N, C-alpha and C. Protein backbone atom coordinates (compact mmCIF):
# COMPACT_ATOMS: atom_id res chain seq x y z
N MET A 1 -6.69 1.22 24.67
CA MET A 1 -6.69 -0.12 24.11
C MET A 1 -5.88 -0.18 22.83
N LEU A 2 -6.03 0.82 21.96
CA LEU A 2 -5.30 0.83 20.70
C LEU A 2 -3.79 0.84 20.95
N ASN A 3 -3.36 1.64 21.94
CA ASN A 3 -1.93 1.68 22.24
C ASN A 3 -1.39 0.33 22.66
N SER A 4 -2.16 -0.43 23.42
CA SER A 4 -1.67 -1.74 23.86
C SER A 4 -1.56 -2.68 22.67
N LEU A 5 -2.44 -2.57 21.68
CA LEU A 5 -2.35 -3.41 20.48
C LEU A 5 -1.10 -3.05 19.68
N VAL A 6 -0.84 -1.77 19.56
CA VAL A 6 0.35 -1.34 18.84
C VAL A 6 1.60 -1.82 19.55
N LEU A 7 1.63 -1.69 20.87
CA LEU A 7 2.79 -2.16 21.62
C LEU A 7 2.95 -3.67 21.48
N SER A 8 1.86 -4.40 21.51
CA SER A 8 1.94 -5.85 21.36
C SER A 8 2.48 -6.23 19.99
N LYS A 9 2.01 -5.55 18.95
CA LYS A 9 2.49 -5.84 17.61
C LYS A 9 3.98 -5.53 17.52
N THR A 10 4.41 -4.41 18.10
CA THR A 10 5.82 -4.05 18.09
C THR A 10 6.64 -5.11 18.80
N ALA A 11 6.14 -5.60 19.93
CA ALA A 11 6.87 -6.63 20.67
C ALA A 11 6.96 -7.91 19.85
N ILE A 12 5.88 -8.26 19.16
CA ILE A 12 5.89 -9.46 18.32
C ILE A 12 6.88 -9.29 17.19
N ASP A 13 6.85 -8.13 16.50
CA ASP A 13 7.79 -7.87 15.41
C ASP A 13 9.22 -7.94 15.91
N HIS A 14 9.48 -7.36 17.07
CA HIS A 14 10.82 -7.37 17.64
C HIS A 14 11.26 -8.80 17.95
N ASP A 15 10.38 -9.59 18.54
CA ASP A 15 10.71 -10.97 18.87
C ASP A 15 10.97 -11.79 17.61
N SER A 16 10.17 -11.59 16.56
CA SER A 16 10.36 -12.37 15.34
C SER A 16 11.66 -11.99 14.65
N LYS A 17 12.06 -10.73 14.74
CA LYS A 17 13.34 -10.33 14.14
C LYS A 17 14.50 -10.97 14.89
N GLN A 18 14.39 -11.07 16.19
CA GLN A 18 15.45 -11.68 16.96
C GLN A 18 15.57 -13.16 16.66
N SER A 19 14.47 -13.84 16.40
CA SER A 19 14.51 -15.27 16.21
C SER A 19 14.87 -15.66 14.78
N SER A 20 14.80 -14.72 13.81
CA SER A 20 15.15 -15.07 12.44
C SER A 20 16.65 -15.27 12.34
N SER A 21 17.03 -16.28 11.56
CA SER A 21 18.44 -16.59 11.43
C SER A 21 18.93 -16.20 10.05
N THR A 22 20.23 -16.07 9.94
CA THR A 22 20.85 -15.76 8.66
C THR A 22 21.18 -17.06 7.95
N ILE A 23 20.90 -17.09 6.65
CA ILE A 23 21.19 -18.27 5.85
C ILE A 23 22.05 -17.85 4.65
N GLU A 24 22.73 -18.82 4.07
CA GLU A 24 23.53 -18.57 2.88
C GLU A 24 22.82 -19.17 1.68
N ILE A 25 22.66 -18.36 0.64
CA ILE A 25 22.06 -18.81 -0.60
C ILE A 25 23.14 -18.77 -1.67
N LYS A 26 23.52 -19.93 -2.15
CA LYS A 26 24.49 -20.02 -3.24
C LYS A 26 23.69 -19.97 -4.54
N ILE A 27 24.20 -19.21 -5.51
CA ILE A 27 23.51 -19.05 -6.79
C ILE A 27 24.33 -19.73 -7.88
N GLU A 28 23.71 -20.65 -8.61
CA GLU A 28 24.33 -21.28 -9.78
C GLU A 28 23.52 -20.86 -11.00
N CYS A 29 24.21 -20.52 -12.07
CA CYS A 29 23.53 -20.02 -13.27
C CYS A 29 23.88 -20.88 -14.48
N PHE A 30 22.92 -21.00 -15.39
CA PHE A 30 23.13 -21.71 -16.64
C PHE A 30 22.55 -20.88 -17.78
N GLY A 31 23.16 -20.99 -18.95
CA GLY A 31 22.69 -20.26 -20.11
C GLY A 31 23.20 -18.83 -20.10
N ALA A 32 22.43 -17.94 -20.71
CA ALA A 32 22.84 -16.55 -20.87
C ALA A 32 23.07 -15.83 -19.54
N ILE A 33 22.33 -16.19 -18.51
CA ILE A 33 22.50 -15.56 -17.19
C ILE A 33 23.92 -15.78 -16.68
N GLU A 34 24.49 -16.90 -17.01
CA GLU A 34 25.83 -17.27 -16.55
C GLU A 34 26.88 -16.21 -16.95
N ARG A 35 26.67 -15.56 -18.08
CA ARG A 35 27.62 -14.54 -18.56
C ARG A 35 27.46 -13.21 -17.84
N LEU A 36 26.34 -13.02 -17.14
CA LEU A 36 26.05 -11.73 -16.52
C LEU A 36 26.25 -11.69 -15.01
N LEU A 37 26.38 -12.84 -14.39
CA LEU A 37 26.56 -12.91 -12.94
C LEU A 37 27.88 -13.61 -12.61
N PRO A 38 28.49 -13.27 -11.47
CA PRO A 38 29.74 -13.93 -11.07
C PRO A 38 29.54 -15.44 -10.88
N SER A 39 30.57 -16.20 -11.14
CA SER A 39 30.47 -17.66 -11.04
C SER A 39 30.43 -18.14 -9.59
N ASP A 40 30.95 -17.38 -8.65
CA ASP A 40 31.00 -17.81 -7.24
C ASP A 40 30.05 -16.98 -6.38
N LEU A 41 28.85 -16.77 -6.88
CA LEU A 41 27.90 -15.86 -6.24
C LEU A 41 27.17 -16.55 -5.09
N SER A 42 27.16 -15.88 -3.94
CA SER A 42 26.34 -16.33 -2.82
C SER A 42 25.88 -15.10 -2.04
N LEU A 43 24.75 -15.24 -1.38
CA LEU A 43 24.15 -14.15 -0.62
C LEU A 43 23.90 -14.60 0.81
N GLN A 44 24.09 -13.70 1.73
CA GLN A 44 23.69 -13.92 3.12
C GLN A 44 22.37 -13.19 3.29
N THR A 45 21.36 -13.88 3.76
CA THR A 45 20.04 -13.26 3.90
C THR A 45 19.31 -13.83 5.10
N LYS A 46 18.16 -13.24 5.41
CA LYS A 46 17.34 -13.73 6.52
C LYS A 46 16.60 -14.98 6.09
N SER A 47 16.44 -15.90 7.00
CA SER A 47 15.57 -17.04 6.78
C SER A 47 14.17 -16.53 6.54
N GLY A 48 13.46 -17.14 5.60
CA GLY A 48 12.10 -16.73 5.31
C GLY A 48 11.96 -15.82 4.10
N MET A 49 13.08 -15.48 3.47
CA MET A 49 13.01 -14.71 2.23
C MET A 49 12.49 -15.63 1.14
N THR A 50 11.91 -15.05 0.11
CA THR A 50 11.41 -15.84 -1.00
C THR A 50 12.42 -15.81 -2.16
N ILE A 51 12.22 -16.71 -3.10
CA ILE A 51 13.03 -16.70 -4.32
C ILE A 51 12.88 -15.34 -5.00
N SER A 52 11.67 -14.82 -5.03
CA SER A 52 11.43 -13.51 -5.64
C SER A 52 12.26 -12.42 -4.96
N ASP A 53 12.37 -12.46 -3.64
CA ASP A 53 13.20 -11.49 -2.91
C ASP A 53 14.66 -11.61 -3.32
N VAL A 54 15.14 -12.83 -3.46
CA VAL A 54 16.52 -13.06 -3.87
C VAL A 54 16.75 -12.51 -5.28
N LEU A 55 15.81 -12.77 -6.20
CA LEU A 55 15.94 -12.26 -7.56
C LEU A 55 15.93 -10.74 -7.58
N ASP A 56 15.07 -10.13 -6.76
CA ASP A 56 15.05 -8.66 -6.67
C ASP A 56 16.40 -8.13 -6.20
N ASP A 57 17.00 -8.80 -5.23
CA ASP A 57 18.31 -8.40 -4.72
C ASP A 57 19.36 -8.52 -5.84
N LEU A 58 19.31 -9.60 -6.60
CA LEU A 58 20.26 -9.78 -7.70
C LEU A 58 20.08 -8.70 -8.77
N ILE A 59 18.84 -8.32 -9.05
CA ILE A 59 18.58 -7.27 -10.04
C ILE A 59 19.17 -5.94 -9.57
N CYS A 60 19.06 -5.66 -8.27
CA CYS A 60 19.66 -4.42 -7.73
C CYS A 60 21.18 -4.44 -7.88
N ARG A 61 21.78 -5.59 -7.64
CA ARG A 61 23.24 -5.70 -7.73
C ARG A 61 23.75 -5.80 -9.16
N TYR A 62 22.97 -6.42 -10.04
CA TYR A 62 23.38 -6.69 -11.42
C TYR A 62 22.26 -6.28 -12.38
N PRO A 63 22.05 -4.97 -12.54
CA PRO A 63 20.91 -4.50 -13.34
C PRO A 63 20.94 -4.97 -14.81
N LYS A 64 22.10 -5.25 -15.34
CA LYS A 64 22.17 -5.73 -16.74
C LYS A 64 21.51 -7.10 -16.90
N ALA A 65 21.35 -7.83 -15.82
CA ALA A 65 20.75 -9.16 -15.89
C ALA A 65 19.23 -9.13 -15.68
N GLU A 66 18.65 -7.95 -15.50
CA GLU A 66 17.23 -7.86 -15.13
C GLU A 66 16.31 -8.58 -16.10
N SER A 67 16.47 -8.38 -17.40
CA SER A 67 15.52 -8.98 -18.34
C SER A 67 15.57 -10.51 -18.29
N LEU A 68 16.75 -11.08 -18.06
CA LEU A 68 16.85 -12.54 -17.94
C LEU A 68 16.36 -13.03 -16.59
N LEU A 69 16.67 -12.31 -15.53
CA LEU A 69 16.21 -12.72 -14.20
C LEU A 69 14.69 -12.65 -14.08
N ASP A 70 14.09 -11.69 -14.78
CA ASP A 70 12.63 -11.58 -14.76
C ASP A 70 11.96 -12.80 -15.41
N ARG A 71 12.66 -13.48 -16.30
CA ARG A 71 12.05 -14.58 -17.06
C ARG A 71 12.67 -15.95 -16.79
N CYS A 72 13.65 -16.01 -15.91
CA CYS A 72 14.34 -17.29 -15.69
C CYS A 72 13.49 -18.27 -14.88
N ALA A 73 13.80 -19.53 -15.06
CA ALA A 73 13.23 -20.57 -14.19
C ALA A 73 14.18 -20.74 -13.01
N CYS A 74 13.65 -21.11 -11.87
CA CYS A 74 14.45 -21.30 -10.66
C CYS A 74 14.28 -22.73 -10.16
N ALA A 75 15.36 -23.28 -9.65
CA ALA A 75 15.31 -24.65 -9.15
C ALA A 75 16.14 -24.77 -7.88
N ILE A 76 15.74 -25.73 -7.07
CA ILE A 76 16.57 -26.19 -5.95
C ILE A 76 16.68 -27.69 -6.15
N GLY A 77 17.91 -28.16 -6.24
CA GLY A 77 18.11 -29.56 -6.60
C GLY A 77 17.62 -29.78 -8.01
N GLU A 78 16.82 -30.78 -8.21
CA GLU A 78 16.28 -31.07 -9.54
C GLU A 78 14.86 -30.56 -9.72
N ASP A 79 14.35 -29.84 -8.73
CA ASP A 79 12.96 -29.39 -8.76
C ASP A 79 12.84 -27.92 -9.15
N ILE A 80 12.06 -27.64 -10.20
CA ILE A 80 11.72 -26.27 -10.54
C ILE A 80 10.77 -25.77 -9.45
N ILE A 81 11.02 -24.57 -8.96
CA ILE A 81 10.24 -24.05 -7.85
C ILE A 81 9.61 -22.71 -8.21
N PRO A 82 8.46 -22.39 -7.59
CA PRO A 82 7.85 -21.08 -7.82
C PRO A 82 8.62 -19.98 -7.08
N ARG A 83 8.44 -18.79 -7.55
CA ARG A 83 9.14 -17.63 -6.95
C ARG A 83 8.64 -17.31 -5.55
N GLN A 84 7.51 -17.86 -5.14
CA GLN A 84 6.99 -17.62 -3.80
C GLN A 84 7.60 -18.58 -2.77
N THR A 85 8.45 -19.48 -3.21
CA THR A 85 9.07 -20.45 -2.31
C THR A 85 9.88 -19.75 -1.23
N LEU A 86 9.65 -20.12 0.03
CA LEU A 86 10.40 -19.57 1.15
C LEU A 86 11.73 -20.30 1.31
N LEU A 87 12.77 -19.55 1.56
CA LEU A 87 14.09 -20.12 1.82
C LEU A 87 14.33 -20.06 3.33
N GLU A 88 14.36 -21.23 3.96
CA GLU A 88 14.47 -21.27 5.41
C GLU A 88 15.77 -21.88 5.91
N SER A 89 16.59 -22.40 4.99
CA SER A 89 17.88 -22.94 5.37
C SER A 89 18.86 -22.71 4.23
N ASP A 90 20.15 -22.92 4.50
CA ASP A 90 21.16 -22.76 3.46
C ASP A 90 20.74 -23.55 2.23
N SER A 91 20.83 -22.94 1.06
CA SER A 91 20.35 -23.57 -0.17
C SER A 91 21.21 -23.16 -1.35
N THR A 92 21.17 -23.97 -2.38
CA THR A 92 21.73 -23.61 -3.68
C THR A 92 20.56 -23.43 -4.62
N VAL A 93 20.43 -22.22 -5.14
CA VAL A 93 19.36 -21.88 -6.08
C VAL A 93 19.97 -21.86 -7.48
N VAL A 94 19.36 -22.60 -8.37
CA VAL A 94 19.82 -22.68 -9.75
C VAL A 94 18.93 -21.78 -10.60
N LEU A 95 19.58 -20.91 -11.39
CA LEU A 95 18.85 -20.01 -12.29
C LEU A 95 19.05 -20.51 -13.71
N LEU A 96 17.95 -20.79 -14.38
CA LEU A 96 17.98 -21.33 -15.74
C LEU A 96 17.46 -20.27 -16.70
N SER A 97 18.30 -19.88 -17.65
CA SER A 97 17.90 -18.86 -18.62
C SER A 97 16.71 -19.33 -19.43
N PRO A 98 15.86 -18.38 -19.83
CA PRO A 98 14.76 -18.74 -20.72
C PRO A 98 15.32 -19.24 -22.05
N VAL A 99 14.64 -20.20 -22.63
CA VAL A 99 15.09 -20.80 -23.87
C VAL A 99 14.01 -20.59 -24.92
N ALA A 100 14.44 -20.19 -26.10
CA ALA A 100 13.51 -20.05 -27.22
C ALA A 100 13.97 -20.97 -28.33
N GLY A 101 13.07 -21.41 -29.11
CA GLY A 101 13.44 -22.28 -30.21
C GLY A 101 12.22 -22.94 -30.80
N GLY A 102 12.48 -23.79 -31.74
CA GLY A 102 11.34 -24.42 -32.35
C GLY A 102 11.59 -25.80 -32.82
């Protein structure tokens, strides 16, 4: 019985991988982050990735930007979004540097 459950899970995982599509995420940056990332940055990724996954990918590619990416606000359009937001279609993600002041 256990083997059939494992096989079923494997079949489900295989089917879900086949049905996932590739999407393009364009990255726009403002503030200090803008100086650390390329201006024409875009990523090809699987549908269903989160903003957090995208930020982790950017940190791997651009480690000098890690401290700002860890604290930046993220937006799609005019809406600030949480890092748990799923990306299911082509999108432009805006990264806003943290601002300090008084």
